[in-house]
Amino acid sequence: MVTPLTLQRKRAKIAEKKRRIAKAKTEAVEYQKLLASKLKEQREKRSESLAKIRSRLSAASKPSIVA
């Protein structure tokens, strides 16, 4: 039996489902941004540490002339 109440409940269910989907999409976008920023930080940190290591190695390999 189709009553106004059942139709109202159906509309409410559909609206709630749409809200959940929209919320999940926005959270997924935010999470991707967070992951991208973390990855960028890791790359920068790694490149800085490698640069330090390279500079130490190049300084150690150069012969120092002591007069």
PDB file of N, CA and C in Angstrom:
ATOM      1  N   MET A   1       0.836  -1.179   0.000  1.00  0.00           N
ATOM      2  CA  MET A   1       0.000   0.000   0.000  1.00  0.00           C
ATOM      3  C   MET A   1       0.891   1.255   0.000  1.00  0.00           C
ATOM      4  N   VAL A   2       0.630   2.116  -0.923  1.00  0.00           N
ATOM      5  CA  VAL A   2       1.416   3.332  -1.058  1.00  0.00           C
ATOM      6  C   VAL A   2       0.678   4.464  -0.352  1.00  0.00           C
ATOM      7  N   THR A   3       1.290   4.904   0.728  1.00  0.00           N
ATOM      8  CA  THR A   3       0.709   6.012   1.491  1.00  0.00           C
ATOM      9  C   THR A   3       1.665   7.190   1.426  1.00  0.00           C
ATOM     10  N   PRO A   4       1.187   8.365   1.790  1.00  0.00           N
ATOM     11  CA  PRO A   4       2.097   9.514   1.817  1.00  0.00           C
ATOM     12  C   PRO A   4       3.296   9.293   2.739  1.00  0.00           C
ATOM     13  N   LEU A   5       3.102   8.560   3.810  1.00  0.00           N
ATOM     14  CA  LEU A   5       4.190   8.303   4.745  1.00  0.00           C
ATOM     15  C   LEU A   5       5.264   7.419   4.112  1.00  0.00           C
ATOM     16  N   THR A   6       4.853   6.394   3.369  1.00  0.00           N
ATOM     17  CA  THR A   6       5.853   5.537   2.726  1.00  0.00           C
ATOM     18  C   THR A   6       6.622   6.308   1.664  1.00  0.00           C
ATOM     19  N   LEU A   7       5.928   7.177   0.930  1.00  0.00           N
ATOM     20  CA  LEU A   7       6.611   8.000  -0.067  1.00  0.00           C
ATOM     21  C   LEU A   7       7.594   8.955   0.596  1.00  0.00           C
ATOM     22  N   GLN A   8       7.191   9.513   1.736  1.00  0.00           N
ATOM     23  CA  GLN A   8       8.070  10.426   2.469  1.00  0.00           C
ATOM     24  C   GLN A   8       9.310   9.688   2.953  1.00  0.00           C
ATOM     25  N   ARG A   9       9.115   8.486   3.469  1.00  0.00           N
ATOM     26  CA  ARG A   9      10.255   7.693   3.943  1.00  0.00           C
ATOM     27  C   ARG A   9      11.196   7.350   2.786  1.00  0.00           C
ATOM     28  N   LYS A  10      10.597   7.017   1.642  1.00  0.00           N
ATOM     29  CA  LYS A  10      11.407   6.694   0.468  1.00  0.00           C
ATOM     30  C   LYS A  10      12.249   7.902   0.050  1.00  0.00           C
ATOM     31  N   ARG A  11      11.627   9.075   0.010  1.00  0.00           N
ATOM     32  CA  ARG A  11      12.367  10.291  -0.335  1.00  0.00           C
ATOM     33  C   ARG A  11      13.479  10.554   0.675  1.00  0.00           C
ATOM     34  N   ALA A  12      13.178  10.338   1.947  1.00  0.00           N
ATOM     35  CA  ALA A  12      14.178  10.570   2.993  1.00  0.00           C
ATOM     36  C   ALA A  12      15.353   9.610   2.839  1.00  0.00           C
ATOM     37  N   LYS A  13      15.073   8.352   2.536  1.00  0.00           N
ATOM     38  CA  LYS A  13      16.142   7.368   2.327  1.00  0.00           C
ATOM     39  C   LYS A  13      17.033   7.768   1.154  1.00  0.00           C
ATOM     40  N   ILE A  14      16.395   8.180   0.065  1.00  0.00           N
ATOM     41  CA  ILE A  14      17.161   8.578  -1.119  1.00  0.00           C
ATOM     42  C   ILE A  14      18.014   9.801  -0.816  1.00  0.00           C
ATOM     43  N   ALA A  15      17.433  10.776  -0.107  1.00  0.00           N
ATOM     44  CA  ALA A  15      18.179  11.989   0.241  1.00  0.00           C
ATOM     45  C   ALA A  15      19.362  11.656   1.148  1.00  0.00           C
ATOM     46  N   GLU A  16      19.158  10.767   2.110  1.00  0.00           N
ATOM     47  CA  GLU A  16      20.237  10.373   3.018  1.00  0.00           C
ATOM     48  C   GLU A  16      21.349   9.664   2.252  1.00  0.00           C
ATOM     49  N   LYS A  17      20.960   8.824   1.309  1.00  0.00           N
ATOM     50  CA  LYS A  17      21.952   8.124   0.495  1.00  0.00           C
ATOM     51  C   LYS A  17      22.784   9.125  -0.310  1.00  0.00           C
ATOM     52  N   LYS A  18      22.126  10.128  -0.902  1.00  0.00           N
ATOM     53  CA  LYS A  18      22.846  11.152  -1.659  1.00  0.00           C
ATOM     54  C   LYS A  18      23.799  11.922  -0.759  1.00  0.00           C
ATOM     55  N   ARG A  19      23.355  12.256   0.459  1.00  0.00           N
ATOM     56  CA  ARG A  19      24.220  12.978   1.395  1.00  0.00           C
ATOM     57  C   ARG A  19      25.438  12.145   1.764  1.00  0.00           C
ATOM     58  N   ARG A  20      25.223  10.858   2.001  1.00  0.00           N
ATOM     59  CA  ARG A  20      26.340   9.972   2.347  1.00  0.00           C
ATOM     60  C   ARG A  20      27.353   9.884   1.208  1.00  0.00           C
ATOM     61  N   ILE A  21      26.851   9.778  -0.013  1.00  0.00           N
ATOM     62  CA  ILE A  21      27.738   9.687  -1.176  1.00  0.00           C
ATOM     63  C   ILE A  21      28.545  10.967  -1.329  1.00  0.00           C
ATOM     64  N   ALA A  22      27.873  12.115  -1.180  1.00  0.00           N
ATOM     65  CA  ALA A  22      28.567  13.399  -1.313  1.00  0.00           C
ATOM     66  C   ALA A  22      29.625  13.556  -0.225  1.00  0.00           C
ATOM     67  N   LYS A  23      29.288  13.163   0.998  1.00  0.00           N
ATOM     68  CA  LYS A  23      30.235  13.263   2.107  1.00  0.00           C
ATOM     69  C   LYS A  23      31.443  12.362   1.855  1.00  0.00           C
ATOM     70  N   ALA A  24      31.191  11.158   1.376  1.00  0.00           N
ATOM     71  CA  ALA A  24      32.286  10.225   1.098  1.00  0.00           C
ATOM     72  C   ALA A  24      33.210  10.776   0.015  1.00  0.00           C
ATOM     73  N   LYS A  25      32.623  11.418  -0.996  1.00  0.00           N
ATOM     74  CA  LYS A  25      33.445  11.992  -2.066  1.00  0.00           C
ATOM     75  C   LYS A  25      34.327  13.112  -1.537  1.00  0.00           C
ATOM     76  N   THR A  26      33.757  14.004  -0.728  1.00  0.00           N
ATOM     77  CA  THR A  26      34.558  15.116  -0.206  1.00  0.00           C
ATOM     78  C   THR A  26      35.654  14.605   0.725  1.00  0.00           C
ATOM     79  N   GLU A  27      35.334  13.603   1.536  1.00  0.00           N
ATOM     80  CA  GLU A  27      36.351  13.037   2.426  1.00  0.00           C
ATOM     81  C   GLU A  27      37.457  12.359   1.621  1.00  0.00           C
ATOM     82  N   ALA A  28      37.095  11.714   0.524  1.00  0.00           N
ATOM     83  CA  ALA A  28      38.100  11.067  -0.318  1.00  0.00           C
ATOM     84  C   ALA A  28      39.030  12.107  -0.933  1.00  0.00           C
ATOM     85  N   VAL A  29      38.468  13.230  -1.362  1.00  0.00           N
ATOM     86  CA  VAL A  29      39.286  14.297  -1.947  1.00  0.00           C
ATOM     87  C   VAL A  29      40.237  14.859  -0.895  1.00  0.00           C
ATOM     88  N   GLU A  30      39.721  15.100   0.316  1.00  0.00           N
ATOM     89  CA  GLU A  30      40.562  15.628   1.393  1.00  0.00           C
ATOM     90  C   GLU A  30      41.684  14.653   1.735  1.00  0.00           C
ATOM     91  N   TYR A  31      41.364  13.360   1.757  1.00  0.00           N
ATOM     92  CA  TYR A  31      42.369  12.353   2.078  1.00  0.00           C
ATOM     93  C   TYR A  31      43.446  12.301   0.996  1.00  0.00           C
ATOM     94  N   GLN A  32      43.048  12.417  -0.258  1.00  0.00           N
ATOM     95  CA  GLN A  32      44.025  12.431  -1.346  1.00  0.00           C
ATOM     96  C   GLN A  32      44.955  13.632  -1.232  1.00  0.00           C
ATOM     97  N   LYS A  33      44.394  14.790  -0.850  1.00  0.00           N
ATOM     98  CA  LYS A  33      45.225  15.980  -0.653  1.00  0.00           C
ATOM     99  C   LYS A  33      46.220  15.750   0.478  1.00  0.00           C
ATOM    100  N   LEU A  34      45.749  15.131   1.560  1.00  0.00           N
ATOM    101  CA  LEU A  34      46.618  14.844   2.695  1.00  0.00           C
ATOM    102  C   LEU A  34      47.739  13.895   2.287  1.00  0.00           C
ATOM    103  N   LEU A  35      47.390  12.850   1.560  1.00  0.00           N
ATOM    104  CA  LEU A  35      48.408  11.902   1.105  1.00  0.00           C
ATOM    105  C   LEU A  35      49.421  12.580   0.192  1.00  0.00           C
ATOM    106  N   ALA A  36      48.938  13.444  -0.681  1.00  0.00           N
ATOM    107  CA  ALA A  36      49.846  14.138  -1.595  1.00  0.00           C
ATOM    108  C   ALA A  36      50.813  15.027  -0.825  1.00  0.00           C
ATOM    109  N   SER A  37      50.312  15.722   0.185  1.00  0.00           N
ATOM    110  CA  SER A  37      51.198  16.598   0.961  1.00  0.00           C
ATOM    111  C   SER A  37      52.206  15.781   1.764  1.00  0.00           C
ATOM    112  N   LYS A  38      51.774  14.666   2.334  1.00  0.00           N
ATOM    113  CA  LYS A  38      52.702  13.799   3.077  1.00  0.00           C
ATOM    114  C   LYS A  38      53.782  13.255   2.149  1.00  0.00           C
ATOM    115  N   LEU A  39      53.384  12.846   0.955  1.00  0.00           N
ATOM    116  CA  LEU A  39      54.338  12.310  -0.005  1.00  0.00           C
ATOM    117  C   LEU A  39      55.338  13.381  -0.420  1.00  0.00           C
ATOM    118  N   LYS A  40      54.853  14.592  -0.626  1.00  0.00           N
ATOM    119  CA  LYS A  40      55.737  15.694  -0.998  1.00  0.00           C
ATOM    120  C   LYS A  40      56.740  15.972   0.115  1.00  0.00           C
ATOM    121  N   GLU A  41      56.275  15.964   1.367  1.00  0.00           N
ATOM    122  CA  GLU A  41      57.172  16.184   2.506  1.00  0.00           C
ATOM    123  C   GLU A  41      58.231  15.096   2.578  1.00  0.00           C
ATOM    124  N   GLN A  42      57.821  13.844   2.362  1.00  0.00           N
ATOM    125  CA  GLN A  42      58.777  12.744   2.400  1.00  0.00           C
ATOM    126  C   GLN A  42      59.830  12.896   1.306  1.00  0.00           C
ATOM    127  N   ARG A  43      59.399  13.294   0.103  1.00  0.00           N
ATOM    128  CA  ARG A  43      60.348  13.487  -0.995  1.00  0.00           C
ATOM    129  C   ARG A  43      61.343  14.588  -0.655  1.00  0.00           C
ATOM    130  N   GLU A  44      60.832  15.706  -0.116  1.00  0.00           N
ATOM    131  CA  GLU A  44      61.714  16.820   0.233  1.00  0.00           C
ATOM    132  C   GLU A  44      62.717  16.408   1.308  1.00  0.00           C
ATOM    133  N   LYS A  45      62.231  15.694   2.315  1.00  0.00           N
ATOM    134  CA  LYS A  45      63.109  15.259   3.401  1.00  0.00           C
ATOM    135  C   LYS A  45      64.183  14.316   2.868  1.00  0.00           C
ATOM    136  N   ARG A  46      63.773  13.415   1.992  1.00  0.00           N
ATOM    137  CA  ARG A  46      64.724  12.461   1.413  1.00  0.00           C
ATOM    138  C   ARG A  46      65.766  13.192   0.562  1.00  0.00           C
ATOM    139  N   SER A  47      65.320  14.146  -0.240  1.00  0.00           N
ATOM    140  CA  SER A  47      66.277  14.858  -1.096  1.00  0.00           C
ATOM    141  C   SER A  47      67.239  15.687  -0.251  1.00  0.00           C
ATOM    142  N   GLU A  48      66.743  16.265   0.843  1.00  0.00           N
ATOM    143  CA  GLU A  48      67.629  17.021   1.735  1.00  0.00           C
ATOM    144  C   GLU A  48      68.678  16.112   2.366  1.00  0.00           C
ATOM    145  N   SER A  49      68.246  14.938   2.823  1.00  0.00           N
ATOM    146  CA  SER A  49      69.203  14.032   3.456  1.00  0.00           C
ATOM    147  C   SER A  49      70.218  13.518   2.437  1.00  0.00           C
ATOM    148  N   LEU A  50      69.765  13.254   1.224  1.00  0.00           N
ATOM    149  CA  LEU A  50      70.701  12.809   0.189  1.00  0.00           C
ATOM    150  C   LEU A  50      71.678  13.918  -0.168  1.00  0.00           C
ATOM    151  N   ALA A  51      71.209  15.150  -0.195  1.00  0.00           N
ATOM    152  CA  ALA A  51      72.095  16.275  -0.503  1.00  0.00           C
ATOM    153  C   ALA A  51      73.162  16.416   0.577  1.00  0.00           C
ATOM    154  N   LYS A  52      72.773  16.233   1.832  1.00  0.00           N
ATOM    155  CA  LYS A  52      73.742  16.303   2.927  1.00  0.00           C
ATOM    156  C   LYS A  52      74.790  15.204   2.786  1.00  0.00           C
ATOM    157  N   ILE A  53      74.331  14.007   2.473  1.00  0.00           N
ATOM    158  CA  ILE A  53      75.254  12.880   2.319  1.00  0.00           C
ATOM    159  C   ILE A  53      76.211  13.145   1.163  1.00  0.00           C
ATOM    160  N   ARG A  54      75.666  13.643   0.045  1.00  0.00           N
ATOM    161  CA  ARG A  54      76.516  13.921  -1.120  1.00  0.00           C
ATOM    162  C   ARG A  54      77.547  14.996  -0.807  1.00  0.00           C
ATOM    163  N   SER A  55      77.124  16.024  -0.090  1.00  0.00           N
ATOM    164  CA  SER A  55      78.073  17.099   0.219  1.00  0.00           C
ATOM    165  C   SER A  55      79.168  16.592   1.160  1.00  0.00           C
ATOM    166  N   ARG A  56      78.811  15.733   2.096  1.00  0.00           N
ATOM    167  CA  ARG A  56      79.824  15.163   2.996  1.00  0.00           C
ATOM    168  C   ARG A  56      80.805  14.299   2.223  1.00  0.00           C
ATOM    169  N   LEU A  57      80.267  13.489   1.310  1.00  0.00           N
ATOM    170  CA  LEU A  57      81.131  12.602   0.531  1.00  0.00           C
ATOM    171  C   LEU A  57      82.042  13.398  -0.392  1.00  0.00           C
ATOM    172  N   SER A  58      81.500  14.425  -1.015  1.00  0.00           N
ATOM    173  CA  SER A  58      82.336  15.207  -1.929  1.00  0.00           C
ATOM    174  C   SER A  58      83.385  15.990  -1.146  1.00  0.00           C
ATOM    175  N   ALA A  59      83.051  16.452   0.036  1.00  0.00           N
ATOM    176  CA  ALA A  59      84.025  17.171   0.856  1.00  0.00           C
ATOM    177  C   ALA A  59      85.111  16.215   1.351  1.00  0.00           C
ATOM    178  N   ALA A  60      84.734  14.988   1.647  1.00  0.00           N
ATOM    179  CA  ALA A  60      85.703  14.013   2.140  1.00  0.00           C
ATOM    180  C   ALA A  60      86.599  13.509   1.014  1.00  0.00           C
ATOM    181  N   SER A  61      86.083  13.459  -0.205  1.00  0.00           N
ATOM    182  CA  SER A  61      86.885  12.925  -1.302  1.00  0.00           C
ATOM    183  C   SER A  61      87.868  13.949  -1.860  1.00  0.00           C
ATOM    184  N   LYS A  62      87.601  15.232  -1.670  1.00  0.00           N
ATOM    185  CA  LYS A  62      88.520  16.259  -2.164  1.00  0.00           C
ATOM    186  C   LYS A  62      89.769  16.282  -1.279  1.00  0.00           C
ATOM    187  N   PRO A  63      90.934  16.269  -1.896  1.00  0.00           N
ATOM    188  CA  PRO A  63      92.157  16.324  -1.080  1.00  0.00           C
ATOM    189  C   PRO A  63      92.337  17.729  -0.513  1.00  0.00           C
ATOM    190  N   SER A  64      92.548  17.780   0.754  1.00  0.00           N
ATOM    191  CA  SER A  64      92.771  19.084   1.384  1.00  0.00           C
ATOM    192  C   SER A  64      94.272  19.343   1.436  1.00  0.00           C
ATOM    193  N   ILE A  65      94.667  20.491   0.944  1.00  0.00           N
ATOM    194  CA  ILE A  65      96.088  20.859   0.898  1.00  0.00           C
ATOM    195  C   ILE A  65      96.424  21.608   2.173  1.00  0.00           C
ATOM    196  N   VAL A  66      97.303  21.012   2.964  1.00  0.00           N
ATOM    197  CA  VAL A  66      97.719  21.646   4.213  1.00  0.00           C
ATOM    198  C   VAL A  66      99.135  22.163   4.014  1.00  0.00           C
ATOM    199  N   ALA A  67      99.338  23.454   4.182  1.00  0.00           N
ATOM    200  CA  ALA A  67     100.662  24.035   3.946  1.00  0.00           C
ATOM    201  C   ALA A  67     101.424  24.225   5.228  1.00  0.00           C
TER     202      ALA A  67
END
